[in-house]
Structures are given as C-alpha cells and as structure tokens.
C-alpha cells in the first residue's frame, strides 16, 4: 500500500532541509569558491557555466543573476551558460559527438583567468568532464558543484562543492542554493568596488 500523499510531502521537505543543513559544514569552502569567482571577475575574466538537464537550467539561471542582477543593481557582469545555443549544441552533437558539446565551446571561448562553473550531480558526466579538462588546459579556474562522492570531477577542480546526498533532486536543490549564495558573495564584492561593473549608459 502506498503512503498517504501528505506523508510523502513531509518526508521530501525533511530530506531537503537535511540536505541543505549539511551545507553549513561547507561554509568556509563556499566562501573560498566565491573568492575564486570574484578574483576571476576582478581581473576582467568571464564566468562560464556548464551542466546537463536540470543542471543546464541552473546554469542559465545563475548566468542571468550575474549578467542582470541578483538583488541589487550592481552586477552587469560577464557570464555565459554554454547550454543555450541550440545551433551550436546540435551541430557539435551531430558533427562530432555529444561528449564534445561543451569542450569545443570552451576551446573557442575560454581564456586564461576565466572561470568555469561545472554542475554535475554525479560528477561523472562525460560532457562535463571533457569541458573541465579543456578549461583547465586553457588556464581557467574550475569550480565544481556535484554530489554523492564527488565522482571523477572532484579531482579535476580548483574547488569542488560536494553535496553529501545520494538523491539527484536533493543535490540539485542544494546546487541552486549554493549558486544563490555565490551570487550574493559576488554581488557584495561588486557593491564594495572589488569587481569593476559595466555601468556606463545604464540606469
């Protein structure tokens, strides 16, 4: 016999709360990740995001927070989700293979001093690992957001935030929480003048 819906709802909320509570143990590591992104932006670099599926949606969400604003009108920062151009994605998947849909974009766009934020709940996605390796070869900082045991990605990043959960949905919920915290740290740095922002001719 299946559980009553209200029981499932309570259990899901409790699981989500427990997963997010585990992030408190990562406060110093999250702060260090924020410093990594702030340094890249302060030096004129761009933050690139890569992820598949739900993580691709998170990439677009977080890039929008930096290009637009998080909560205050100080951002206008260079950020790009490599998950959005369907012509590029489908051409690369068709002409080469799906594992290269991000790494070839990294090869074309990423410069030394840029930052790549790689989202993979397992840490083992072939397309994400290829992008990380390519970005590292080109002198970019690598921030990983993953889960479970971190997977292969954990050993390839300058900083890797590993959500200690086995459920994809809970890991993704924590990733967007971490992403929002990172955006807030970046926004504070921009407001403090530690990151130059593009304000000319804008209200």
C-alpha atoms as a PDB file:
ATOM      1  CA  UNK A   1       0.000   0.000   0.000  1.00  0.00           C
ATOM      2  CA  UNK A   2       1.392   3.402  -0.970  1.00  0.00           C
ATOM      3  CA  UNK A   3       1.997   6.141   1.575  1.00  0.00           C
ATOM      4  CA  UNK A   4      -0.520   8.946   2.030  1.00  0.00           C
ATOM      5  CA  UNK A   5       0.460  11.959  -0.101  1.00  0.00           C
ATOM      6  CA  UNK A   6       0.886  14.149   2.976  1.00  0.00           C
ATOM      7  CA  UNK A   7       3.463  11.695   4.361  1.00  0.00           C
ATOM      8  CA  UNK A   8       5.456  11.838   1.143  1.00  0.00           C
ATOM      9  CA  UNK A   9       5.328  15.636   1.182  1.00  0.00           C
ATOM     10  CA  UNK A  10       6.611  15.801   4.774  1.00  0.00           C
ATOM     11  CA  UNK A  11       9.398  13.336   4.069  1.00  0.00           C
ATOM     12  CA  UNK A  12      10.510  15.230   0.954  1.00  0.00           C
ATOM     13  CA  UNK A  13      10.599  18.537   2.821  1.00  0.00           C
ATOM     14  CA  UNK A  14      12.550  16.954   5.691  1.00  0.00           C
ATOM     15  CA  UNK A  15      15.036  15.424   3.259  1.00  0.00           C
ATOM     16  CA  UNK A  16      15.522  18.785   1.561  1.00  0.00           C
ATOM     17  CA  UNK A  17      16.039  20.517   4.893  1.00  0.00           C
ATOM     18  CA  UNK A  18      18.593  17.916   5.981  1.00  0.00           C
ATOM     19  CA  UNK A  19      20.488  18.204   2.704  1.00  0.00           C
ATOM     20  CA  UNK A  20      20.632  21.977   2.984  1.00  0.00           C
ATOM     21  CA  UNK A  21      21.654  21.790   6.644  1.00  0.00           C
ATOM     22  CA  UNK A  22      24.697  19.782   5.550  1.00  0.00           C
ATOM     23  CA  UNK A  23      25.854  22.845   3.603  1.00  0.00           C
ATOM     24  CA  UNK A  24      26.568  24.617   6.900  1.00  0.00           C
ATOM     25  CA  UNK A  25      29.614  22.373   7.249  1.00  0.00           C
ATOM     26  CA  UNK A  26      30.863  23.727   3.919  1.00  0.00           C
ATOM     27  CA  UNK A  27      30.707  27.429   4.779  1.00  0.00           C
ATOM     28  CA  UNK A  28      34.471  28.047   4.511  1.00  0.00           C
ATOM     29  CA  UNK A  29      34.705  26.085   1.282  1.00  0.00           C
ATOM     30  CA  UNK A  30      31.783  28.004  -0.232  1.00  0.00           C
ATOM     31  CA  UNK A  31      33.431  31.272   0.783  1.00  0.00           C
ATOM     32  CA  UNK A  32      36.645  30.130  -0.918  1.00  0.00           C
ATOM     33  CA  UNK A  33      34.672  29.271  -4.052  1.00  0.00           C
ATOM     34  CA  UNK A  34      33.183  32.760  -4.003  1.00  0.00           C
ATOM     35  CA  UNK A  35      36.678  34.248  -3.761  1.00  0.00           C
ATOM     36  CA  UNK A  36      37.735  32.208  -6.786  1.00  0.00           C
ATOM     37  CA  UNK A  37      34.911  33.646  -8.890  1.00  0.00           C
ATOM     38  CA  UNK A  38      35.401  37.168  -7.540  1.00  0.00           C
ATOM     39  CA  UNK A  39      39.108  37.039  -8.439  1.00  0.00           C
ATOM     40  CA  UNK A  40      38.313  35.921 -11.990  1.00  0.00           C
ATOM     41  CA  UNK A  41      35.780  38.723 -12.459  1.00  0.00           C
ATOM     42  CA  UNK A  42      38.011  41.331 -10.829  1.00  0.00           C
ATOM     43  CA  UNK A  43      40.724  40.539 -13.360  1.00  0.00           C
ATOM     44  CA  UNK A  44      38.348  41.005 -16.259  1.00  0.00           C
ATOM     45  CA  UNK A  45      37.509  37.343 -16.743  1.00  0.00           C
ATOM     46  CA  UNK A  46      34.207  35.723 -17.670  1.00  0.00           C
ATOM     47  CA  UNK A  47      32.314  33.083 -15.710  1.00  0.00           C
ATOM     48  CA  UNK A  48      31.134  30.193 -17.893  1.00  0.00           C
ATOM     49  CA  UNK A  49      28.589  27.604 -16.750  1.00  0.00           C
ATOM     50  CA  UNK A  50      28.107  24.015 -17.990  1.00  0.00           C
ATOM     51  CA  UNK A  51      25.610  21.334 -16.998  1.00  0.00           C
ATOM     52  CA  UNK A  52      23.158  18.816 -18.445  1.00  0.00           C
ATOM     53  CA  UNK A  53      19.418  18.512 -17.927  1.00  0.00           C
ATOM     54  CA  UNK A  54      18.232  20.203 -14.756  1.00  0.00           C
ATOM     55  CA  UNK A  55      21.779  21.410 -14.193  1.00  0.00           C
ATOM     56  CA  UNK A  56      21.644  23.144 -17.587  1.00  0.00           C
ATOM     57  CA  UNK A  57      18.634  25.089 -16.343  1.00  0.00           C
ATOM     58  CA  UNK A  58      20.585  26.044 -13.220  1.00  0.00           C
ATOM     59  CA  UNK A  59      23.452  27.255 -15.421  1.00  0.00           C
ATOM     60  CA  UNK A  60      21.134  29.595 -17.294  1.00  0.00           C
ATOM     61  CA  UNK A  61      19.551  30.778 -14.059  1.00  0.00           C
ATOM     62  CA  UNK A  62      22.888  31.651 -12.444  1.00  0.00           C
ATOM     63  CA  UNK A  63      24.338  33.318 -15.540  1.00  0.00           C
ATOM     64  CA  UNK A  64      21.242  35.518 -15.626  1.00  0.00           C
ATOM     65  CA  UNK A  65      21.794  36.531 -11.994  1.00  0.00           C
ATOM     66  CA  UNK A  66      25.272  37.835 -12.873  1.00  0.00           C
ATOM     67  CA  UNK A  67      24.507  39.476 -16.204  1.00  0.00           C
ATOM     68  CA  UNK A  68      21.335  41.042 -14.826  1.00  0.00           C
ATOM     69  CA  UNK A  69      21.263  41.301 -11.084  1.00  0.00           C
ATOM     70  CA  UNK A  70      20.824  39.122  -8.042  1.00  0.00           C
ATOM     71  CA  UNK A  71      19.110  41.548  -5.680  1.00  0.00           C
ATOM     72  CA  UNK A  72      20.837  44.883  -6.211  1.00  0.00           C
ATOM     73  CA  UNK A  73      21.565  46.912  -9.344  1.00  0.00           C
ATOM     74  CA  UNK A  74      25.326  46.435  -9.305  1.00  0.00           C
ATOM     75  CA  UNK A  75      26.018  43.346 -11.406  1.00  0.00           C
ATOM     76  CA  UNK A  76      26.156  43.520 -15.247  1.00  0.00           C
ATOM     77  CA  UNK A  77      28.981  41.020 -15.024  1.00  0.00           C
ATOM     78  CA  UNK A  78      30.300  38.836 -17.876  1.00  0.00           C
ATOM     79  CA  UNK A  79      28.770  35.383 -17.522  1.00  0.00           C
ATOM     80  CA  UNK A  80      27.613  32.843 -20.072  1.00  0.00           C
ATOM     81  CA  UNK A  81      25.818  29.497 -19.905  1.00  0.00           C
ATOM     82  CA  UNK A  82      27.182  27.177 -22.589  1.00  0.00           C
ATOM     83  CA  UNK A  83      23.839  25.375 -22.611  1.00  0.00           C
ATOM     84  CA  UNK A  84      21.708  27.817 -24.551  1.00  0.00           C
ATOM     85  CA  UNK A  85      22.705  27.983 -28.223  1.00  0.00           C
ATOM     86  CA  UNK A  86      20.757  25.177 -29.878  1.00  0.00           C
ATOM     87  CA  UNK A  87      22.509  25.616 -33.222  1.00  0.00           C
ATOM     88  CA  UNK A  88      25.930  25.147 -31.639  1.00  0.00           C
ATOM     89  CA  UNK A  89      24.795  22.305 -29.388  1.00  0.00           C
ATOM     90  CA  UNK A  90      23.068  20.341 -32.123  1.00  0.00           C
ATOM     91  CA  UNK A  91      25.837  20.947 -34.651  1.00  0.00           C
ATOM     92  CA  UNK A  92      28.516  19.708 -32.274  1.00  0.00           C
ATOM     93  CA  UNK A  93      26.449  16.705 -31.185  1.00  0.00           C
ATOM     94  CA  UNK A  94      25.699  15.826 -34.806  1.00  0.00           C
ATOM     95  CA  UNK A  95      29.074  16.525 -36.407  1.00  0.00           C
ATOM     96  CA  UNK A  96      31.243  15.223 -33.574  1.00  0.00           C
ATOM     97  CA  UNK A  97      29.675  13.596 -30.501  1.00  0.00           C
ATOM     98  CA  UNK A  98      27.641  14.776 -27.548  1.00  0.00           C
ATOM     99  CA  UNK A  99      30.603  14.438 -25.179  1.00  0.00           C
ATOM    100  CA  UNK A 100      32.163  17.430 -27.008  1.00  0.00           C
ATOM    101  CA  UNK A 101      29.226  19.866 -26.945  1.00  0.00           C
ATOM    102  CA  UNK A 102      30.776  21.884 -24.116  1.00  0.00           C
ATOM    103  CA  UNK A 103      34.510  21.232 -24.527  1.00  0.00           C
ATOM    104  CA  UNK A 104      34.543  22.636 -28.062  1.00  0.00           C
ATOM    105  CA  UNK A 105      32.767  25.772 -26.851  1.00  0.00           C
ATOM    106  CA  UNK A 106      35.319  26.047 -24.055  1.00  0.00           C
ATOM    107  CA  UNK A 107      38.100  25.693 -26.604  1.00  0.00           C
ATOM    108  CA  UNK A 108      36.657  28.553 -28.655  1.00  0.00           C
ATOM    109  CA  UNK A 109      35.640  30.951 -25.872  1.00  0.00           C
ATOM    110  CA  UNK A 110      37.506  30.430 -22.611  1.00  0.00           C
ATOM    111  CA  UNK A 111      40.687  32.415 -21.929  1.00  0.00           C
ATOM    112  CA  UNK A 112      43.305  32.201 -19.163  1.00  0.00           C
ATOM    113  CA  UNK A 113      41.901  33.717 -15.992  1.00  0.00           C
ATOM    114  CA  UNK A 114      38.270  32.931 -16.820  1.00  0.00           C
ATOM    115  CA  UNK A 115      36.254  30.664 -14.534  1.00  0.00           C
ATOM    116  CA  UNK A 116      34.252  27.569 -15.442  1.00  0.00           C
ATOM    117  CA  UNK A 117      31.448  26.508 -13.098  1.00  0.00           C
ATOM    118  CA  UNK A 118      30.664  22.859 -13.824  1.00  0.00           C
ATOM    119  CA  UNK A 119      27.463  21.283 -12.478  1.00  0.00           C
ATOM    120  CA  UNK A 120      27.063  17.504 -12.384  1.00  0.00           C
ATOM    121  CA  UNK A 121      25.116  15.699  -9.684  1.00  0.00           C
ATOM    122  CA  UNK A 122      27.204  12.548 -10.127  1.00  0.00           C
ATOM    123  CA  UNK A 123      30.481  14.230 -11.025  1.00  0.00           C
ATOM    124  CA  UNK A 124      30.892  11.669 -13.804  1.00  0.00           C
ATOM    125  CA  UNK A 125      29.125  13.199 -16.810  1.00  0.00           C
ATOM    126  CA  UNK A 126      31.399  12.709 -19.828  1.00  0.00           C
ATOM    127  CA  UNK A 127      30.487  16.036 -21.445  1.00  0.00           C
ATOM    128  CA  UNK A 128      31.149  17.938 -18.225  1.00  0.00           C
ATOM    129  CA  UNK A 129      34.439  16.176 -17.545  1.00  0.00           C
ATOM    130  CA  UNK A 130      35.602  16.974 -21.079  1.00  0.00           C
ATOM    131  CA  UNK A 131      34.736  20.652 -20.576  1.00  0.00           C
ATOM    132  CA  UNK A 132      36.559  20.747 -17.237  1.00  0.00           C
ATOM    133  CA  UNK A 133      39.702  19.171 -18.690  1.00  0.00           C
ATOM    134  CA  UNK A 134      39.670  21.556 -21.651  1.00  0.00           C
ATOM    135  CA  UNK A 135      39.147  24.614 -19.449  1.00  0.00           C
ATOM    136  CA  UNK A 136      41.989  23.558 -17.160  1.00  0.00           C
ATOM    137  CA  UNK A 137      44.288  23.132 -20.176  1.00  0.00           C
ATOM    138  CA  UNK A 138      43.444  26.705 -21.195  1.00  0.00           C
ATOM    139  CA  UNK A 139      44.255  28.239 -17.811  1.00  0.00           C
ATOM    140  CA  UNK A 140      40.758  28.746 -16.402  1.00  0.00           C
ATOM    141  CA  UNK A 141      39.754  28.389 -12.765  1.00  0.00           C
ATOM    142  CA  UNK A 142      37.421  25.426 -12.233  1.00  0.00           C
ATOM    143  CA  UNK A 143      34.592  25.354  -9.688  1.00  0.00           C
ATOM    144  CA  UNK A 144      32.666  22.101  -9.483  1.00  0.00           C
ATOM    145  CA  UNK A 145      29.219  21.573  -7.989  1.00  0.00           C
ATOM    146  CA  UNK A 146      28.492  17.894  -7.587  1.00  0.00           C
ATOM    147  CA  UNK A 147      27.036  15.339  -5.180  1.00  0.00           C
ATOM    148  CA  UNK A 148      27.350  11.826  -3.771  1.00  0.00           C
ATOM    149  CA  UNK A 149      31.118  11.156  -3.518  1.00  0.00           C
ATOM    150  CA  UNK A 150      32.098  13.901  -5.977  1.00  0.00           C
ATOM    151  CA  UNK A 151      32.840  11.487  -8.799  1.00  0.00           C
ATOM    152  CA  UNK A 152      35.742  11.976 -11.187  1.00  0.00           C
ATOM    153  CA  UNK A 153      35.124  15.725 -11.292  1.00  0.00           C
ATOM    154  CA  UNK A 154      36.171  16.230  -7.666  1.00  0.00           C
ATOM    155  CA  UNK A 155      39.824  15.623  -8.505  1.00  0.00           C
ATOM    156  CA  UNK A 156      39.833  17.954 -11.515  1.00  0.00           C
ATOM    157  CA  UNK A 157      38.582  21.184  -9.929  1.00  0.00           C
ATOM    158  CA  UNK A 158      40.358  24.003  -8.122  1.00  0.00           C
ATOM    159  CA  UNK A 159      37.398  23.928  -5.744  1.00  0.00           C
ATOM    160  CA  UNK A 160      34.631  21.321  -5.676  1.00  0.00           C
ATOM    161  CA  UNK A 161      31.464  21.666  -3.590  1.00  0.00           C
ATOM    162  CA  UNK A 162      30.169  18.134  -3.000  1.00  0.00           C
ATOM    163  CA  UNK A 163      26.613  17.845  -1.675  1.00  0.00           C
ATOM    164  CA  UNK A 164      26.534  14.738   0.574  1.00  0.00           C
ATOM    165  CA  UNK A 165      23.292  13.298  -0.771  1.00  0.00           C
ATOM    166  CA  UNK A 166      22.500  10.290  -2.961  1.00  0.00           C
ATOM    167  CA  UNK A 167      19.320  11.736  -4.492  1.00  0.00           C
ATOM    168  CA  UNK A 168      19.627  13.788  -7.662  1.00  0.00           C
ATOM    169  CA  UNK A 169      16.689  16.037  -6.770  1.00  0.00           C
ATOM    170  CA  UNK A 170      18.150  16.939  -3.366  1.00  0.00           C
ATOM    171  CA  UNK A 171      21.589  17.589  -4.865  1.00  0.00           C
ATOM    172  CA  UNK A 172      20.057  19.918  -7.461  1.00  0.00           C
ATOM    173  CA  UNK A 173      18.124  21.772  -4.767  1.00  0.00           C
ATOM    174  CA  UNK A 174      21.384  22.337  -2.902  1.00  0.00           C
ATOM    175  CA  UNK A 175      23.188  23.398  -6.077  1.00  0.00           C
ATOM    176  CA  UNK A 176      20.782  26.257  -6.698  1.00  0.00           C
ATOM    177  CA  UNK A 177      21.076  27.262  -3.023  1.00  0.00           C
ATOM    178  CA  UNK A 178      24.873  27.281  -3.349  1.00  0.00           C
ATOM    179  CA  UNK A 179      24.579  29.183  -6.615  1.00  0.00           C
ATOM    180  CA  UNK A 180      22.471  31.868  -4.991  1.00  0.00           C
ATOM    181  CA  UNK A 181      24.958  32.188  -2.141  1.00  0.00           C
ATOM    182  CA  UNK A 182      27.814  32.575  -4.627  1.00  0.00           C
ATOM    183  CA  UNK A 183      25.845  35.239  -6.487  1.00  0.00           C
ATOM    184  CA  UNK A 184      25.297  37.080  -3.229  1.00  0.00           C
ATOM    185  CA  UNK A 185      29.024  36.960  -2.429  1.00  0.00           C
ATOM    186  CA  UNK A 186      29.843  38.254  -5.912  1.00  0.00           C
ATOM    187  CA  UNK A 187      27.229  40.978  -5.680  1.00  0.00           C
ATOM    188  CA  UNK A 188      28.615  42.121  -2.335  1.00  0.00           C
ATOM    189  CA  UNK A 189      32.112  42.266  -3.835  1.00  0.00           C
ATOM    190  CA  UNK A 190      30.807  44.308  -6.774  1.00  0.00           C
ATOM    191  CA  UNK A 191      28.988  46.685  -4.424  1.00  0.00           C
ATOM    192  CA  UNK A 192      32.189  47.100  -2.414  1.00  0.00           C
ATOM    193  CA  UNK A 193      34.068  48.029  -5.583  1.00  0.00           C
ATOM    194  CA  UNK A 194      36.212  44.873  -5.655  1.00  0.00           C
ATOM    195  CA  UNK A 195      34.823  43.960  -9.074  1.00  0.00           C
ATOM    196  CA  UNK A 196      34.530  46.517 -11.872  1.00  0.00           C
ATOM    197  CA  UNK A 197      30.995  46.636 -13.260  1.00  0.00           C
ATOM    198  CA  UNK A 198      29.765  47.937 -16.591  1.00  0.00           C
ATOM    199  CA  UNK A 199      27.625  50.918 -15.663  1.00  0.00           C
ATOM    200  CA  UNK A 200      28.162  53.348 -18.494  1.00  0.00           C
ATOM    201  CA  UNK A 201      24.947  54.484 -20.190  1.00  0.00           C
ATOM    202  CA  UNK A 202      22.826  52.318 -17.904  1.00  0.00           C
ATOM    203  CA  UNK A 203      20.495  53.456 -15.125  1.00  0.00           C
END
